[in-house]
Amino acid sequence: MKKNMAYTLFIDSDIFSDVFLVREPHFESSVAVSHLRNELEIELFTSPSIILNTNYIAQNQDNVVMAVKGVSEILKVVEIITTTNEILIDCFNNKHVDVENAVQYFTNL
């Protein structure tokens, strides 16, 4: 049974890539997000495109097996959200500076 989380947090591919690739200077902060999930009852969300981008980036580091394993682990701790055609149209037609961020922002969690 899924417990009710007190907070929600959208995770983008930068966080996942920091962890997968041990990218500094953000590696430790990105790893801490998963610890906060349990300590503060934060529910983590991401989108299908973030998962696909993370997998692509990780596989290009010449370790397909580790990439698949890493993405499989991610999918155990995040909820996948989806968007609608209406949200996409709105984000593209309203002159948002960063359409990707607008889609993430306007997609209901």
PDB file of N, CA and C in Angstrom:
ATOM      1  N   MET A   1       0.838  -1.183   0.000  1.00  0.00           N
ATOM      2  CA  MET A   1       0.000   0.000   0.000  1.00  0.00           C
ATOM      3  C   MET A   1       0.884   1.249   0.000  1.00  0.00           C
ATOM      4  N   LYS A   2       0.568   2.163  -0.848  1.00  0.00           N
ATOM      5  CA  LYS A   2       1.345   3.387  -0.997  1.00  0.00           C
ATOM      6  C   LYS A   2       1.000   4.359   0.123  1.00  0.00           C
ATOM      7  N   LYS A   3       2.036   4.883   0.812  1.00  0.00           N
ATOM      8  CA  LYS A   3       1.757   5.842   1.871  1.00  0.00           C
ATOM      9  C   LYS A   3       1.631   7.244   1.297  1.00  0.00           C
ATOM     10  N   ASN A   4       0.875   8.085   1.983  1.00  0.00           N
ATOM     11  CA  ASN A   4       0.715   9.469   1.545  1.00  0.00           C
ATOM     12  C   ASN A   4       1.976  10.249   1.866  1.00  0.00           C
ATOM     13  N   MET A   5       2.525  10.863   0.869  1.00  0.00           N
ATOM     14  CA  MET A   5       3.743  11.652   1.043  1.00  0.00           C
ATOM     15  C   MET A   5       3.360  13.094   1.353  1.00  0.00           C
ATOM     16  N   ALA A   6       4.176  13.731   2.151  1.00  0.00           N
ATOM     17  CA  ALA A   6       3.904  15.101   2.564  1.00  0.00           C
ATOM     18  C   ALA A   6       4.269  16.112   1.472  1.00  0.00           C
ATOM     19  N   TYR A   7       5.258  15.805   0.673  1.00  0.00           N
ATOM     20  CA  TYR A   7       5.746  16.731  -0.349  1.00  0.00           C
ATOM     21  C   TYR A   7       5.949  15.984  -1.657  1.00  0.00           C
ATOM     22  N   THR A   8       5.950  16.742  -2.751  1.00  0.00           N
ATOM     23  CA  THR A   8       6.276  16.161  -4.048  1.00  0.00           C
ATOM     24  C   THR A   8       7.415  16.948  -4.674  1.00  0.00           C
ATOM     25  N   LEU A   9       8.208  16.259  -5.466  1.00  0.00           N
ATOM     26  CA  LEU A   9       9.358  16.878  -6.101  1.00  0.00           C
ATOM     27  C   LEU A   9       9.517  16.290  -7.492  1.00  0.00           C
ATOM     28  N   PHE A  10       9.611  17.167  -8.497  1.00  0.00           N
ATOM     29  CA  PHE A  10       9.845  16.720  -9.863  1.00  0.00           C
ATOM     30  C   PHE A  10      11.350  16.598 -10.076  1.00  0.00           C
ATOM     31  N   ILE A  11      11.784  15.453 -10.559  1.00  0.00           N
ATOM     32  CA  ILE A  11      13.209  15.203 -10.789  1.00  0.00           C
ATOM     33  C   ILE A  11      13.483  15.256 -12.285  1.00  0.00           C
ATOM     34  N   ASP A  12      14.461  16.071 -12.666  1.00  0.00           N
ATOM     35  CA  ASP A  12      14.793  16.148 -14.085  1.00  0.00           C
ATOM     36  C   ASP A  12      16.046  15.336 -14.389  1.00  0.00           C
ATOM     37  N   SER A  13      16.414  15.288 -15.648  1.00  0.00           N
ATOM     38  CA  SER A  13      17.524  14.432 -16.061  1.00  0.00           C
ATOM     39  C   SER A  13      18.869  14.895 -15.502  1.00  0.00           C
ATOM     40  N   ASP A  14      18.998  16.161 -15.147  1.00  0.00           N
ATOM     41  CA  ASP A  14      20.257  16.625 -14.559  1.00  0.00           C
ATOM     42  C   ASP A  14      20.545  15.905 -13.243  1.00  0.00           C
ATOM     43  N   ILE A  15      19.535  15.724 -12.423  1.00  0.00           N
ATOM     44  CA  ILE A  15      19.720  15.032 -11.135  1.00  0.00           C
ATOM     45  C   ILE A  15      20.155  13.592 -11.388  1.00  0.00           C
ATOM     46  N   PHE A  16      19.423  12.896 -12.261  1.00  0.00           N
ATOM     47  CA  PHE A  16      19.771  11.503 -12.552  1.00  0.00           C
ATOM     48  C   PHE A  16      21.156  11.399 -13.177  1.00  0.00           C
ATOM     49  N   SER A  17      21.483  12.296 -14.090  1.00  0.00           N
ATOM     50  CA  SER A  17      22.789  12.255 -14.745  1.00  0.00           C
ATOM     51  C   SER A  17      23.917  12.556 -13.769  1.00  0.00           C
ATOM     52  N   ASP A  18      23.689  13.477 -12.837  1.00  0.00           N
ATOM     53  CA  ASP A  18      24.705  13.748 -11.807  1.00  0.00           C
ATOM     54  C   ASP A  18      25.057  12.477 -11.058  1.00  0.00           C
ATOM     55  N   VAL A  19      24.038  11.680 -10.731  1.00  0.00           N
ATOM     56  CA  VAL A  19      24.269  10.443  -9.979  1.00  0.00           C
ATOM     57  C   VAL A  19      24.921   9.391 -10.864  1.00  0.00           C
ATOM     58  N   PHE A  20      24.362   9.155 -12.045  1.00  0.00           N
ATOM     59  CA  PHE A  20      24.889   8.122 -12.936  1.00  0.00           C
ATOM     60  C   PHE A  20      26.339   8.380 -13.331  1.00  0.00           C
ATOM     61  N   LEU A  21      26.638   9.642 -13.619  1.00  0.00           N
ATOM     62  CA  LEU A  21      27.954   9.986 -14.159  1.00  0.00           C
ATOM     63  C   LEU A  21      28.911  10.530 -13.105  1.00  0.00           C
ATOM     64  N   VAL A  22      28.468  10.559 -11.853  1.00  0.00           N
ATOM     65  CA  VAL A  22      29.238  11.114 -10.733  1.00  0.00           C
ATOM     66  C   VAL A  22      29.763  12.496 -11.127  1.00  0.00           C
ATOM     67  N   ARG A  23      28.835  13.327 -11.558  1.00  0.00           N
ATOM     68  CA  ARG A  23      29.191  14.672 -12.022  1.00  0.00           C
ATOM     69  C   ARG A  23      29.319  15.619 -10.838  1.00  0.00           C
ATOM     70  N   GLU A  24      30.445  16.258 -10.793  1.00  0.00           N
ATOM     71  CA  GLU A  24      30.674  17.276  -9.779  1.00  0.00           C
ATOM     72  C   GLU A  24      30.393  18.638 -10.404  1.00  0.00           C
ATOM     73  N   PRO A  25      29.981  19.594  -9.654  1.00  0.00           N
ATOM     74  CA  PRO A  25      29.964  19.630  -8.186  1.00  0.00           C
ATOM     75  C   PRO A  25      28.631  19.213  -7.563  1.00  0.00           C
ATOM     76  N   HIS A  26      27.726  18.630  -8.336  1.00  0.00           N
ATOM     77  CA  HIS A  26      26.379  18.375  -7.835  1.00  0.00           C
ATOM     78  C   HIS A  26      26.097  16.926  -7.434  1.00  0.00           C
ATOM     79  N   PHE A  27      27.085  16.052  -7.540  1.00  0.00           N
ATOM     80  CA  PHE A  27      26.860  14.634  -7.271  1.00  0.00           C
ATOM     81  C   PHE A  27      26.254  14.400  -5.885  1.00  0.00           C
ATOM     82  N   GLU A  28      26.886  14.928  -4.849  1.00  0.00           N
ATOM     83  CA  GLU A  28      26.411  14.679  -3.480  1.00  0.00           C
ATOM     84  C   GLU A  28      25.006  15.219  -3.250  1.00  0.00           C
ATOM     85  N   SER A  29      24.716  16.390  -3.772  1.00  0.00           N
ATOM     86  CA  SER A  29      23.377  16.967  -3.620  1.00  0.00           C
ATOM     87  C   SER A  29      22.335  16.127  -4.344  1.00  0.00           C
ATOM     88  N   SER A  30      22.685  15.635  -5.510  1.00  0.00           N
ATOM     89  CA  SER A  30      21.747  14.818  -6.274  1.00  0.00           C
ATOM     90  C   SER A  30      21.481  13.481  -5.589  1.00  0.00           C
ATOM     91  N   VAL A  31      22.508  12.881  -5.019  1.00  0.00           N
ATOM     92  CA  VAL A  31      22.330  11.639  -4.272  1.00  0.00           C
ATOM     93  C   VAL A  31      21.462  11.893  -3.043  1.00  0.00           C
ATOM     94  N   ALA A  32      21.614  13.054  -2.427  1.00  0.00           N
ATOM     95  CA  ALA A  32      20.852  13.384  -1.211  1.00  0.00           C
ATOM     96  C   ALA A  32      19.351  13.420  -1.467  1.00  0.00           C
ATOM     97  N   VAL A  33      18.942  13.669  -2.697  1.00  0.00           N
ATOM     98  CA  VAL A  33      17.511  13.712  -3.016  1.00  0.00           C
ATOM     99  C   VAL A  33      16.850  12.382  -2.667  1.00  0.00           C
ATOM    100  N   SER A  34      17.516  11.281  -2.975  1.00  0.00           N
ATOM    101  CA  SER A  34      16.918   9.976  -2.671  1.00  0.00           C
ATOM    102  C   SER A  34      16.820   9.752  -1.169  1.00  0.00           C
ATOM    103  N   HIS A  35      17.768  10.283  -0.417  1.00  0.00           N
ATOM    104  CA  HIS A  35      17.699  10.153   1.044  1.00  0.00           C
ATOM    105  C   HIS A  35      16.568  11.009   1.603  1.00  0.00           C
ATOM    106  N   LEU A  36      16.376  12.177   1.032  1.00  0.00           N
ATOM    107  CA  LEU A  36      15.282  13.042   1.476  1.00  0.00           C
ATOM    108  C   LEU A  36      13.925  12.391   1.234  1.00  0.00           C
ATOM    109  N   ARG A  37      13.857  11.602   0.191  1.00  0.00           N
ATOM    110  CA  ARG A  37      12.608  10.910  -0.134  1.00  0.00           C
ATOM    111  C   ARG A  37      12.106  10.134   1.081  1.00  0.00           C
ATOM    112  N   ASN A  38      12.984   9.420   1.720  1.00  0.00           N
ATOM    113  CA  ASN A  38      12.590   8.615   2.882  1.00  0.00           C
ATOM    114  C   ASN A  38      12.496   9.446   4.159  1.00  0.00           C
ATOM    115  N   GLU A  39      13.454  10.309   4.383  1.00  0.00           N
ATOM    116  CA  GLU A  39      13.504  11.074   5.629  1.00  0.00           C
ATOM    117  C   GLU A  39      12.364  12.073   5.760  1.00  0.00           C
ATOM    118  N   LEU A  40      12.005  12.741   4.679  1.00  0.00           N
ATOM    119  CA  LEU A  40      10.992  13.790   4.731  1.00  0.00           C
ATOM    120  C   LEU A  40       9.685  13.398   4.055  1.00  0.00           C
ATOM    121  N   GLU A  41       9.581  12.134   3.687  1.00  0.00           N
ATOM    122  CA  GLU A  41       8.383  11.644   3.011  1.00  0.00           C
ATOM    123  C   GLU A  41       8.063  12.455   1.747  1.00  0.00           C
ATOM    124  N   ILE A  42       9.072  12.602   0.917  1.00  0.00           N
ATOM    125  CA  ILE A  42       8.920  13.314  -0.345  1.00  0.00           C
ATOM    126  C   ILE A  42       8.632  12.291  -1.435  1.00  0.00           C
ATOM    127  N   GLU A  43       7.594  12.553  -2.215  1.00  0.00           N
ATOM    128  CA  GLU A  43       7.289  11.684  -3.345  1.00  0.00           C
ATOM    129  C   GLU A  43       7.961  12.263  -4.585  1.00  0.00           C
ATOM    130  N   LEU A  44       8.724  11.434  -5.262  1.00  0.00           N
ATOM    131  CA  LEU A  44       9.474  11.865  -6.428  1.00  0.00           C
ATOM    132  C   LEU A  44       8.706  11.555  -7.706  1.00  0.00           C
ATOM    133  N   PHE A  45       8.692  12.514  -8.620  1.00  0.00           N
ATOM    134  CA  PHE A  45       8.024  12.371  -9.911  1.00  0.00           C
ATOM    135  C   PHE A  45       9.008  12.679 -11.020  1.00  0.00           C
ATOM    136  N   THR A  46       8.771  12.089 -12.159  1.00  0.00           N
ATOM    137  CA  THR A  46       9.511  12.442 -13.363  1.00  0.00           C
ATOM    138  C   THR A  46       8.633  12.112 -14.562  1.00  0.00           C
ATOM    139  N   SER A  47       9.114  12.440 -15.737  1.00  0.00           N
ATOM    140  CA  SER A  47       8.333  12.192 -16.950  1.00  0.00           C
ATOM    141  C   SER A  47       8.986  11.077 -17.770  1.00  0.00           C
ATOM    142  N   PRO A  48       8.227  10.487 -18.667  1.00  0.00           N
ATOM    143  CA  PRO A  48       8.824   9.465 -19.535  1.00  0.00           C
ATOM    144  C   PRO A  48      10.017   9.990 -20.329  1.00  0.00           C
ATOM    145  N   SER A  49       9.931  11.229 -20.803  1.00  0.00           N
ATOM    146  CA  SER A  49      11.047  11.768 -21.593  1.00  0.00           C
ATOM    147  C   SER A  49      12.311  11.913 -20.751  1.00  0.00           C
ATOM    148  N   ILE A  50      12.170  12.237 -19.479  1.00  0.00           N
ATOM    149  CA  ILE A  50      13.341  12.332 -18.595  1.00  0.00           C
ATOM    150  C   ILE A  50      13.987  10.958 -18.447  1.00  0.00           C
ATOM    151  N   ILE A  51      13.167   9.919 -18.267  1.00  0.00           N
ATOM    152  CA  ILE A  51      13.694   8.558 -18.160  1.00  0.00           C
ATOM    153  C   ILE A  51      14.433   8.176 -19.438  1.00  0.00           C
ATOM    154  N   LEU A  52      13.835   8.459 -20.578  1.00  0.00           N
ATOM    155  CA  LEU A  52      14.466   8.121 -21.855  1.00  0.00           C
ATOM    156  C   LEU A  52      15.758   8.908 -22.068  1.00  0.00           C
ATOM    157  N   ASN A  53      15.748  10.194 -21.728  1.00  0.00           N
ATOM    158  CA  ASN A  53      16.967  11.015 -21.865  1.00  0.00           C
ATOM    159  C   ASN A  53      18.071  10.508 -20.945  1.00  0.00           C
ATOM    160  N   THR A  54      17.714  10.171 -19.724  1.00  0.00           N
ATOM    161  CA  THR A  54      18.700   9.665 -18.765  1.00  0.00           C
ATOM    162  C   THR A  54      19.308   8.357 -19.269  1.00  0.00           C
ATOM    163  N   ASN A  55      18.457   7.482 -19.761  1.00  0.00           N
ATOM    164  CA  ASN A  55      18.947   6.213 -20.301  1.00  0.00           C
ATOM    165  C   ASN A  55      19.894   6.459 -21.474  1.00  0.00           C
ATOM    166  N   TYR A  56      19.518   7.354 -22.361  1.00  0.00           N
ATOM    167  CA  TYR A  56      20.355   7.670 -23.530  1.00  0.00           C
ATOM    168  C   TYR A  56      21.724   8.202 -23.095  1.00  0.00           C
ATOM    169  N   ILE A  57      21.720   9.136 -22.161  1.00  0.00           N
ATOM    170  CA  ILE A  57      22.973   9.723 -21.674  1.00  0.00           C
ATOM    171  C   ILE A  57      23.835   8.653 -21.014  1.00  0.00           C
ATOM    172  N   ALA A  58      23.222   7.833 -20.166  1.00  0.00           N
ATOM    173  CA  ALA A  58      23.978   6.801 -19.459  1.00  0.00           C
ATOM    174  C   ALA A  58      24.533   5.754 -20.422  1.00  0.00           C
ATOM    175  N   GLN A  59      23.743   5.354 -21.413  1.00  0.00           N
ATOM    176  CA  GLN A  59      24.230   4.345 -22.363  1.00  0.00           C
ATOM    177  C   GLN A  59      25.365   4.874 -23.220  1.00  0.00           C
ATOM    178  N   ASN A  60      25.407   6.170 -23.443  1.00  0.00           N
ATOM    179  CA  ASN A  60      26.497   6.750 -24.222  1.00  0.00           C
ATOM    180  C   ASN A  60      27.805   6.818 -23.444  1.00  0.00           C
ATOM    181  N   GLN A  61      27.775   6.394 -22.203  1.00  0.00           N
ATOM    182  CA  GLN A  61      28.999   6.323 -21.412  1.00  0.00           C
ATOM    183  C   GLN A  61      29.640   4.939 -21.521  1.00  0.00           C
ATOM    184  N   ASP A  62      29.220   4.180 -22.530  1.00  0.00           N
ATOM    185  CA  ASP A  62      29.780   2.862 -22.852  1.00  0.00           C
ATOM    186  C   ASP A  62      29.515   1.794 -21.796  1.00  0.00           C
ATOM    187  N   ASN A  63      28.401   1.914 -21.081  1.00  0.00           N
ATOM    188  CA  ASN A  63      28.049   0.866 -20.127  1.00  0.00           C
ATOM    189  C   ASN A  63      26.543   0.650 -20.161  1.00  0.00           C
ATOM    190  N   VAL A  64      26.090  -0.049 -21.176  1.00  0.00           N
ATOM    191  CA  VAL A  64      24.660  -0.265 -21.385  1.00  0.00           C
ATOM    192  C   VAL A  64      24.051  -1.032 -20.217  1.00  0.00           C
ATOM    193  N   VAL A  65      24.746  -2.039 -19.719  1.00  0.00           N
ATOM    194  CA  VAL A  65      24.216  -2.854 -18.619  1.00  0.00           C
ATOM    195  C   VAL A  65      23.983  -1.997 -17.380  1.00  0.00           C
ATOM    196  N   MET A  66      24.948  -1.154 -17.035  1.00  0.00           N
ATOM    197  CA  MET A  66      24.791  -0.280 -15.865  1.00  0.00           C
ATOM    198  C   MET A  66      23.699   0.748 -16.096  1.00  0.00           C
ATOM    199  N   ALA A  67      23.563   1.245 -17.314  1.00  0.00           N
ATOM    200  CA  ALA A  67      22.507   2.214 -17.631  1.00  0.00           C
ATOM    201  C   ALA A  67      21.139   1.594 -17.403  1.00  0.00           C
ATOM    202  N   VAL A  68      20.935   0.397 -17.919  1.00  0.00           N
ATOM    203  CA  VAL A  68      19.647  -0.275 -17.763  1.00  0.00           C
ATOM    204  C   VAL A  68      19.375  -0.564 -16.292  1.00  0.00           C
ATOM    205  N   LYS A  69      20.399  -1.005 -15.579  1.00  0.00           N
ATOM    206  CA  LYS A  69      20.237  -1.279 -14.145  1.00  0.00           C
ATOM    207  C   LYS A  69      19.896   0.009 -13.392  1.00  0.00           C
ATOM    208  N   GLY A  70      20.579   1.088 -13.715  1.00  0.00           N
ATOM    209  CA  GLY A  70      20.327   2.370 -13.053  1.00  0.00           C
ATOM    210  C   GLY A  70      18.927   2.888 -13.300  1.00  0.00           C
ATOM    211  N   VAL A  71      18.481   2.813 -14.546  1.00  0.00           N
ATOM    212  CA  VAL A  71      17.127   3.269 -14.865  1.00  0.00           C
ATOM    213  C   VAL A  71      16.101   2.378 -14.175  1.00  0.00           C
ATOM    214  N   SER A  72      16.366   1.094 -14.106  1.00  0.00           N
ATOM    215  CA  SER A  72      15.459   0.186 -13.392  1.00  0.00           C
ATOM    216  C   SER A  72      15.341   0.572 -11.926  1.00  0.00           C
ATOM    217  N   GLU A  73      16.444   0.980 -11.322  1.00  0.00           N
ATOM    218  CA  GLU A  73      16.420   1.419  -9.920  1.00  0.00           C
ATOM    219  C   GLU A  73      15.645   2.722  -9.765  1.00  0.00           C
ATOM    220  N   ILE A  74      15.829   3.634 -10.697  1.00  0.00           N
ATOM    221  CA  ILE A  74      15.083   4.902 -10.674  1.00  0.00           C
ATOM    222  C   ILE A  74      13.585   4.623 -10.682  1.00  0.00           C
ATOM    223  N   LEU A  75      13.175   3.710 -11.552  1.00  0.00           N
ATOM    224  CA  LEU A  75      11.750   3.434 -11.705  1.00  0.00           C
ATOM    225  C   LEU A  75      11.119   2.835 -10.448  1.00  0.00           C
ATOM    226  N   LYS A  76      11.948   2.348  -9.541  1.00  0.00           N
ATOM    227  CA  LYS A  76      11.439   1.815  -8.265  1.00  0.00           C
ATOM    228  C   LYS A  76      11.076   2.928  -7.282  1.00  0.00           C
ATOM    229  N   VAL A  77      11.638   4.116  -7.469  1.00  0.00           N
ATOM    230  CA  VAL A  77      11.457   5.172  -6.463  1.00  0.00           C
ATOM    231  C   VAL A  77      10.751   6.429  -6.978  1.00  0.00           C
ATOM    232  N   VAL A  78      10.443   6.467  -8.268  1.00  0.00           N
ATOM    233  CA  VAL A  78       9.745   7.637  -8.805  1.00  0.00           C
ATOM    234  C   VAL A  78       8.416   7.229  -9.414  1.00  0.00           C
ATOM    235  N   GLU A  79       7.517   8.179  -9.435  1.00  0.00           N
ATOM    236  CA  GLU A  79       6.248   8.016 -10.139  1.00  0.00           C
ATOM    237  C   GLU A  79       6.384   8.713 -11.483  1.00  0.00           C
ATOM    238  N   ILE A  80       5.872   8.092 -12.519  1.00  0.00           N
ATOM    239  CA  ILE A  80       5.931   8.678 -13.851  1.00  0.00           C
ATOM    240  C   ILE A  80       4.648   9.463 -14.098  1.00  0.00           C
ATOM    241  N   ILE A  81       4.813  10.717 -14.490  1.00  0.00           N
ATOM    242  CA  ILE A  81       3.654  11.540 -14.811  1.00  0.00           C
ATOM    243  C   ILE A  81       3.557  11.698 -16.323  1.00  0.00           C
ATOM    244  N   THR A  82       2.383  11.977 -16.770  1.00  0.00           N
ATOM    245  CA  THR A  82       2.192  12.211 -18.200  1.00  0.00           C
ATOM    246  C   THR A  82       1.527  13.567 -18.388  1.00  0.00           C
ATOM    247  N   THR A  83       1.606  14.056 -19.578  1.00  0.00           N
ATOM    248  CA  THR A  83       1.004  15.338 -19.890  1.00  0.00           C
ATOM    249  C   THR A  83      -0.084  15.129 -20.937  1.00  0.00           C
ATOM    250  N   THR A  84      -0.736  16.209 -21.286  1.00  0.00           N
ATOM    251  CA  THR A  84      -1.812  16.120 -22.273  1.00  0.00           C
ATOM    252  C   THR A  84      -1.457  16.938 -23.504  1.00  0.00           C
ATOM    253  N   ASN A  85      -2.164  16.674 -24.552  1.00  0.00           N
ATOM    254  CA  ASN A  85      -2.010  17.438 -25.784  1.00  0.00           C
ATOM    255  C   ASN A  85      -2.300  18.920 -25.530  1.00  0.00           C
ATOM    256  N   GLU A  86      -3.322  19.200 -24.742  1.00  0.00           N
ATOM    257  CA  GLU A  86      -3.690  20.589 -24.430  1.00  0.00           C
ATOM    258  C   GLU A  86      -2.549  21.331 -23.729  1.00  0.00           C
ATOM    259  N   ILE A  87      -1.907  20.669 -22.777  1.00  0.00           N
ATOM    260  CA  ILE A  87      -0.799  21.310 -22.069  1.00  0.00           C
ATOM    261  C   ILE A  87       0.353  21.590 -23.033  1.00  0.00           C
ATOM    262  N   LEU A  88       0.669  20.633 -23.874  1.00  0.00           N
ATOM    263  CA  LEU A  88       1.750  20.839 -24.839  1.00  0.00           C
ATOM    264  C   LEU A  88       1.449  21.996 -25.783  1.00  0.00           C
ATOM    265  N   ILE A  89       0.249  22.033 -26.315  1.00  0.00           N
ATOM    266  CA  ILE A  89      -0.144  23.135 -27.215  1.00  0.00           C
ATOM    267  C   ILE A  89      -0.034  24.468 -26.493  1.00  0.00           C
ATOM    268  N   ASP A  90      -0.545  24.527 -25.268  1.00  0.00           N
ATOM    269  CA  ASP A  90      -0.492  25.756 -24.492  1.00  0.00           C
ATOM    270  C   ASP A  90       0.947  26.203 -24.254  1.00  0.00           C
ATOM    271  N   CYS A  91       1.803  25.278 -23.903  1.00  0.00           N
ATOM    272  CA  CYS A  91       3.196  25.638 -23.619  1.00  0.00           C
ATOM    273  C   CYS A  91       3.939  26.118 -24.857  1.00  0.00           C
ATOM    274  N   PHE A  92       3.629  25.546 -26.005  1.00  0.00           N
ATOM    275  CA  PHE A  92       4.286  25.979 -27.240  1.00  0.00           C
ATOM    276  C   PHE A  92       3.706  27.279 -27.779  1.00  0.00           C
ATOM    277  N   ASN A  93       2.445  27.550 -27.503  1.00  0.00           N
ATOM    278  CA  ASN A  93       1.790  28.732 -28.066  1.00  0.00           C
ATOM    279  C   ASN A  93       1.826  29.961 -27.165  1.00  0.00           C
ATOM    280  N   ASN A  94       2.326  29.848 -25.966  1.00  0.00           N
ATOM    281  CA  ASN A  94       2.315  30.983 -25.049  1.00  0.00           C
ATOM    282  C   ASN A  94       3.684  31.599 -24.806  1.00  0.00           C
ATOM    283  N   LYS A  95       4.584  31.357 -25.714  1.00  0.00           N
ATOM    284  CA  LYS A  95       5.891  32.018 -25.713  1.00  0.00           C
ATOM    285  C   LYS A  95       6.658  31.859 -24.404  1.00  0.00           C
ATOM    286  N   HIS A  96       6.591  30.674 -23.815  1.00  0.00           N
ATOM    287  CA  HIS A  96       7.413  30.397 -22.640  1.00  0.00           C
ATOM    288  C   HIS A  96       8.872  30.378 -23.075  1.00  0.00           C
ATOM    289  N   VAL A  97       9.727  30.944 -22.261  1.00  0.00           N
ATOM    290  CA  VAL A  97      11.144  30.992 -22.592  1.00  0.00           C
ATOM    291  C   VAL A  97      11.720  29.582 -22.673  1.00  0.00           C
ATOM    292  N   ASP A  98      11.334  28.733 -21.743  1.00  0.00           N
ATOM    293  CA  ASP A  98      11.815  27.352 -21.703  1.00  0.00           C
ATOM    294  C   ASP A  98      10.600  26.428 -21.769  1.00  0.00           C
ATOM    295  N   VAL A  99      10.313  25.929 -22.960  1.00  0.00           N
ATOM    296  CA  VAL A  99       9.117  25.109 -23.167  1.00  0.00           C
ATOM    297  C   VAL A  99       9.184  23.835 -22.324  1.00  0.00           C
ATOM    298  N   GLU A 100      10.349  23.210 -22.242  1.00  0.00           N
ATOM    299  CA  GLU A 100      10.474  21.977 -21.455  1.00  0.00           C
ATOM    300  C   GLU A 100      10.088  22.221 -19.997  1.00  0.00           C
ATOM    301  N   ASN A 101      10.598  23.287 -19.416  1.00  0.00           N
ATOM    302  CA  ASN A 101      10.258  23.602 -18.030  1.00  0.00           C
ATOM    303  C   ASN A 101       8.777  23.958 -17.881  1.00  0.00           C
ATOM    304  N   ALA A 102       8.224  24.630 -18.874  1.00  0.00           N
ATOM    305  CA  ALA A 102       6.804  24.978 -18.823  1.00  0.00           C
ATOM    306  C   ALA A 102       5.944  23.724 -18.834  1.00  0.00           C
ATOM    307  N   VAL A 103       6.287  22.774 -19.664  1.00  0.00           N
ATOM    308  CA  VAL A 103       5.525  21.519 -19.713  1.00  0.00           C
ATOM    309  C   VAL A 103       5.590  20.826 -18.355  1.00  0.00           C
ATOM    310  N   GLN A 104       6.766  20.775 -17.766  1.00  0.00           N
ATOM    311  CA  GLN A 104       6.910  20.154 -16.453  1.00  0.00           C
ATOM    312  C   GLN A 104       6.093  20.903 -15.411  1.00  0.00           C
ATOM    313  N   TYR A 105       6.120  22.213 -15.464  1.00  0.00           N
ATOM    314  CA  TYR A 105       5.420  23.021 -14.485  1.00  0.00           C
ATOM    315  C   TYR A 105       3.898  22.865 -14.586  1.00  0.00           C
ATOM    316  N   PHE A 106       3.395  22.868 -15.807  1.00  0.00           N
ATOM    317  CA  PHE A 106       1.949  22.846 -15.996  1.00  0.00           C
ATOM    318  C   PHE A 106       1.330  21.444 -16.001  1.00  0.00           C
ATOM    319  N   THR A 107       2.159  20.426 -15.997  1.00  0.00           N
ATOM    320  CA  THR A 107       1.650  19.059 -15.904  1.00  0.00           C
ATOM    321  C   THR A 107       1.268  18.814 -14.450  1.00  0.00           C
ATOM    322  N   ASN A 108       0.045  18.394 -14.247  1.00  0.00           N
ATOM    323  CA  ASN A 108      -0.435  18.149 -12.881  1.00  0.00           C
ATOM    324  C   ASN A 108       0.231  16.928 -12.292  1.00  0.00           C
ATOM    325  N   LEU A 109       0.658  17.070 -11.061  1.00  0.00           N
ATOM    326  CA  LEU A 109       1.249  15.927 -10.367  1.00  0.00           C
ATOM    327  C   LEU A 109       0.155  15.168  -9.669  1.00  0.00           C
TER     328      LEU A 109
END
